[in-house]
Amino acid sequence: MTLRAASPDDDDATARLLVQRYEVEVPGMLHGPPASRFELARRLVRATPRTGRTVLELDGDVVGMGALATAARPRPSTPARVLLQAPAVLGPFAGLRTVVGAVRGAVTVAPAPAVDQAMVHSLVVDRSRRGEGLGAVLLDRLEDQARSAGLAFVVLQVVASNRHALSFYRSRGYRHLDAPPPFVSRLLGYRTVQLVKGLARAAPPHPGG
């Protein structure tokens, strides 16, 4: 098992994972034939900075990914120029529905984390490897990155209908964050739950070992 920063060579694998993430997190976000959905996801991945993205590799295959954003390194936004290609890639009707879904997603995304916080996002494990604890491995790595950066909290956002994800994060020590979403998000966005976890600092080494 290898955990490492994402590279351009991972774009096809991360595009495949992105399609699977939308299928679980926001069913109906991507419309059209499977090959066309993959092509649009690949264009989105290639046009989006890989900053903060970690991949999990098993036997030479990327089977999971997740990303960490901070106040200094915010979550990249969806590239509008690629999103506008959706009708050409997916077909006019499917493309329009996808654009509408993406706009709803854009107004749903939580604000950038505070200066003492990191935000975990885009965490997904390939459907063929779920149930093996790989999501926990990825989450631990992202939390370690936040801890190493001196941050005190990790926050994340889950679509309220994704009960499996909510149960997973609660089992990892996350609790509900009482932060009402902005009005536009409540009006147009997907209903989500924000979660937070305090990071325990590693104890300093004892003098003399």
Protein backbone atom coordinates (compact mmCIF):
# COMPACT_ATOMS: atom_id res chain seq x y z
CA MET A 1 0.00 0.00 0.00
CA THR A 2 1.31 3.44 -0.96
CA LEU A 3 -0.04 6.85 0.03
CA ARG A 4 1.37 9.73 -2.00
CA ALA A 5 0.62 13.06 -3.60
CA ALA A 6 -1.39 12.84 -6.81
CA SER A 7 0.47 13.28 -10.10
CA PRO A 8 -0.63 13.83 -13.72
CA ASP A 9 -0.23 10.08 -14.28
CA ASP A 10 -3.14 9.54 -11.88
CA ASP A 11 -5.63 11.67 -13.79
CA ASP A 12 -7.54 8.79 -15.39
CA ALA A 13 -7.79 6.90 -12.10
CA THR A 14 -8.90 9.97 -10.17
CA ALA A 15 -11.48 10.76 -12.87
CA ARG A 16 -12.90 7.26 -12.46
CA LEU A 17 -13.05 7.77 -8.69
CA LEU A 18 -14.67 11.17 -9.15
CA VAL A 19 -17.50 9.62 -11.18
CA GLN A 20 -18.03 7.02 -8.45
CA ARG A 21 -18.02 9.71 -5.78
CA TYR A 22 -20.78 11.64 -7.53
CA GLU A 23 -22.80 8.43 -7.96
CA VAL A 24 -22.78 7.92 -4.18
CA GLU A 25 -22.66 11.46 -2.84
CA VAL A 26 -24.99 13.23 -5.28
CA PRO A 27 -26.83 10.70 -7.47
CA GLY A 28 -27.81 12.36 -10.71
CA MET A 29 -25.07 14.99 -10.63
CA LEU A 30 -23.51 13.50 -13.77
CA HIS A 31 -25.83 12.43 -16.58
CA GLY A 32 -25.25 10.75 -19.92
CA PRO A 33 -23.52 7.53 -21.05
CA PRO A 34 -20.79 6.12 -18.74
CA ALA A 35 -17.97 6.80 -21.21
CA SER A 36 -19.11 10.41 -21.61
CA ARG A 37 -19.35 10.92 -17.84
CA PHE A 38 -15.80 9.62 -17.49
CA GLU A 39 -14.56 11.93 -20.25
CA LEU A 40 -16.06 15.01 -18.59
CA ALA A 41 -14.63 13.96 -15.21
CA ARG A 42 -11.20 13.51 -16.80
CA ARG A 43 -11.33 17.01 -18.26
CA LEU A 44 -12.34 18.40 -14.86
CA VAL A 45 -9.49 16.57 -13.13
CA ARG A 46 -6.91 17.75 -15.65
CA ALA A 47 -8.06 21.37 -15.34
CA THR A 48 -8.12 21.40 -11.53
CA PRO A 49 -4.96 21.94 -9.43
CA ARG A 50 -3.82 18.76 -7.67
CA THR A 51 -2.81 20.76 -4.61
CA GLY A 52 -3.54 18.85 -1.42
CA ARG A 53 -4.73 15.69 -3.20
CA THR A 54 -3.51 12.33 -1.86
CA VAL A 55 -3.99 9.00 -3.61
CA LEU A 56 -3.89 5.46 -2.23
CA GLU A 57 -2.23 2.90 -4.47
CA LEU A 58 -2.52 -0.89 -4.16
CA ASP A 59 -0.65 -3.29 -6.43
CA GLY A 60 0.04 -0.47 -8.88
CA ASP A 61 -3.56 0.73 -9.08
CA VAL A 62 -4.95 3.93 -7.57
CA VAL A 63 -7.99 2.79 -5.59
CA GLY A 64 -8.69 5.80 -3.38
CA MET A 65 -8.18 9.52 -3.06
CA GLY A 66 -8.84 12.41 -0.73
CA ALA A 67 -7.80 16.03 -0.42
CA LEU A 68 -7.02 18.58 2.26
CA ALA A 69 -7.69 22.32 2.02
CA THR A 70 -6.63 25.08 4.41
CA ALA A 71 -7.15 28.82 4.72
CA ALA A 72 -3.84 29.36 2.93
CA ARG A 73 -4.53 26.65 0.34
CA PRO A 74 -8.30 26.66 -0.30
CA ARG A 75 -10.26 24.02 -2.12
CA PRO A 76 -10.06 24.56 -5.90
CA SER A 77 -13.30 25.58 -7.55
CA THR A 78 -14.85 23.66 -10.43
CA PRO A 79 -13.34 24.99 -13.69
CA ALA A 80 -16.23 26.78 -15.39
CA ARG A 81 -14.66 26.54 -18.86
CA VAL A 82 -14.67 22.74 -18.60
CA LEU A 83 -18.12 22.55 -17.06
CA LEU A 84 -19.49 24.50 -20.01
CA GLN A 85 -18.25 21.69 -22.26
CA ALA A 86 -20.77 19.32 -20.62
CA PRO A 87 -23.47 19.65 -23.33
CA ALA A 88 -20.95 18.80 -26.05
CA VAL A 89 -19.52 15.84 -24.11
CA LEU A 90 -22.70 14.42 -22.56
CA GLY A 91 -25.32 15.56 -25.04
CA PRO A 92 -27.47 18.71 -24.81
CA PHE A 93 -30.08 17.53 -22.31
CA ALA A 94 -27.76 15.49 -20.09
CA GLY A 95 -25.17 18.26 -20.25
CA LEU A 96 -27.65 20.91 -19.17
CA ARG A 97 -28.79 18.79 -16.23
CA THR A 98 -25.17 18.27 -15.23
CA VAL A 99 -24.44 22.01 -15.38
CA VAL A 100 -27.46 22.72 -13.18
CA GLY A 101 -26.32 20.06 -10.71
CA ALA A 102 -22.80 21.50 -10.66
CA VAL A 103 -24.13 25.00 -9.96
CA ARG A 104 -26.13 23.61 -7.05
CA GLY A 105 -22.97 21.89 -5.85
CA ALA A 106 -20.96 25.10 -6.13
CA VAL A 107 -23.33 27.04 -3.88
CA THR A 108 -23.39 24.09 -1.45
CA VAL A 109 -19.65 23.93 -0.80
CA ALA A 110 -18.77 25.17 2.67
CA PRO A 111 -16.68 28.34 3.04
CA ALA A 112 -12.91 28.06 3.24
CA PRO A 113 -11.71 26.72 6.60
CA ALA A 114 -10.63 29.06 9.39
CA VAL A 115 -6.93 29.65 10.03
CA ASP A 116 -6.80 26.87 12.65
CA GLN A 117 -8.74 24.37 10.53
CA ALA A 118 -8.18 22.00 7.64
CA MET A 119 -10.99 20.77 5.39
CA VAL A 120 -11.12 17.18 4.16
CA HIS A 121 -12.92 16.81 0.84
CA SER A 122 -13.26 14.53 -2.18
CA LEU A 123 -12.54 11.36 -0.18
CA VAL A 124 -13.56 8.23 -2.07
CA VAL A 125 -12.51 4.59 -2.34
CA ASP A 126 -13.06 2.51 -5.47
CA ARG A 127 -16.26 0.50 -5.21
CA SER A 128 -14.32 -2.75 -5.69
CA ARG A 129 -12.25 -2.10 -2.54
CA ARG A 130 -14.82 -0.69 -0.15
CA GLY A 131 -15.20 -2.37 3.22
CA GLU A 132 -11.44 -2.97 3.56
CA GLY A 133 -10.69 0.00 5.81
CA LEU A 134 -9.01 2.02 3.07
CA GLY A 135 -11.17 5.09 3.70
CA ALA A 136 -9.92 5.14 7.29
CA VAL A 137 -6.32 4.87 6.07
CA LEU A 138 -6.81 7.84 3.76
CA LEU A 139 -8.57 9.88 6.43
CA ASP A 140 -5.79 9.17 8.93
CA ARG A 141 -3.20 10.40 6.43
CA LEU A 142 -5.11 13.63 5.76
CA GLU A 143 -5.55 14.24 9.49
CA ASP A 144 -1.82 13.65 10.00
CA GLN A 145 -1.10 16.26 7.33
CA ALA A 146 -3.32 18.76 9.14
CA ARG A 147 -1.71 17.94 12.47
CA SER A 148 1.78 18.35 11.01
CA ALA A 149 0.75 21.78 9.73
CA GLY A 150 -0.07 22.81 13.30
CA LEU A 151 -3.83 22.96 12.76
CA ALA A 152 -6.24 22.24 15.59
CA PHE A 153 -9.37 21.03 13.81
CA VAL A 154 -10.51 19.15 10.73
CA VAL A 155 -13.87 20.02 9.20
CA LEU A 156 -15.77 18.35 6.40
CA GLN A 157 -19.14 18.42 4.69
CA VAL A 158 -21.38 15.47 3.82
CA VAL A 159 -24.59 15.43 1.79
CA ALA A 160 -27.30 14.67 4.35
CA SER A 161 -28.67 11.72 2.37
CA ASN A 162 -25.28 9.95 2.42
CA ARG A 163 -25.95 7.99 5.61
CA HIS A 164 -23.03 5.62 5.12
CA ALA A 165 -20.55 8.51 5.01
CA LEU A 166 -22.12 10.16 8.06
CA SER A 167 -21.85 6.92 10.02
CA PHE A 168 -18.23 6.47 8.94
CA TYR A 169 -17.14 9.94 10.00
CA ARG A 170 -18.96 9.72 13.32
CA SER A 171 -17.16 6.46 14.01
CA ARG A 172 -13.89 8.33 13.42
CA GLY A 173 -14.63 10.93 16.08
CA TYR A 174 -16.38 13.66 14.07
CA ARG A 175 -19.32 15.56 15.54
CA HIS A 176 -21.90 17.92 14.09
CA LEU A 177 -20.79 21.51 13.64
CA ASP A 178 -23.54 23.96 14.47
CA ALA A 179 -23.01 26.31 11.54
CA PRO A 180 -26.14 27.23 9.54
CA PRO A 181 -25.40 27.35 5.80
CA PRO A 182 -25.64 30.66 3.94
CA PHE A 183 -29.06 31.64 2.60
CA VAL A 184 -28.15 30.94 -1.04
CA SER A 185 -26.96 27.46 -0.10
CA ARG A 186 -30.16 26.74 1.80
CA LEU A 187 -32.23 28.00 -1.13
CA LEU A 188 -30.43 26.37 -4.07
CA GLY A 189 -27.88 23.89 -2.77
CA TYR A 190 -27.97 20.31 -1.58
CA ARG A 191 -28.79 19.69 2.05
CA THR A 192 -25.56 18.90 3.87
CA VAL A 193 -24.18 18.22 7.33
CA GLN A 194 -20.97 19.87 8.52
CA LEU A 195 -18.74 17.88 10.86
CA VAL A 196 -15.68 18.78 12.94
CA LYS A 197 -12.97 16.90 14.83
CA GLY A 198 -10.35 18.25 17.19
CA LEU A 199 -6.83 17.04 16.52
CA ALA A 200 -4.85 15.75 19.47
CA ARG A 201 -1.29 17.00 19.37
CA ALA A 202 1.42 14.39 19.45
CA ALA A 203 3.19 14.28 22.80
CA PRO A 204 6.75 15.64 22.71
CA PRO A 205 9.49 13.04 23.18
CA HIS A 206 10.50 12.45 26.78
CA PRO A 207 13.93 13.89 27.60
CA GLY A 208 16.47 11.13 27.49
CA GLY A 209 14.26 8.90 25.30
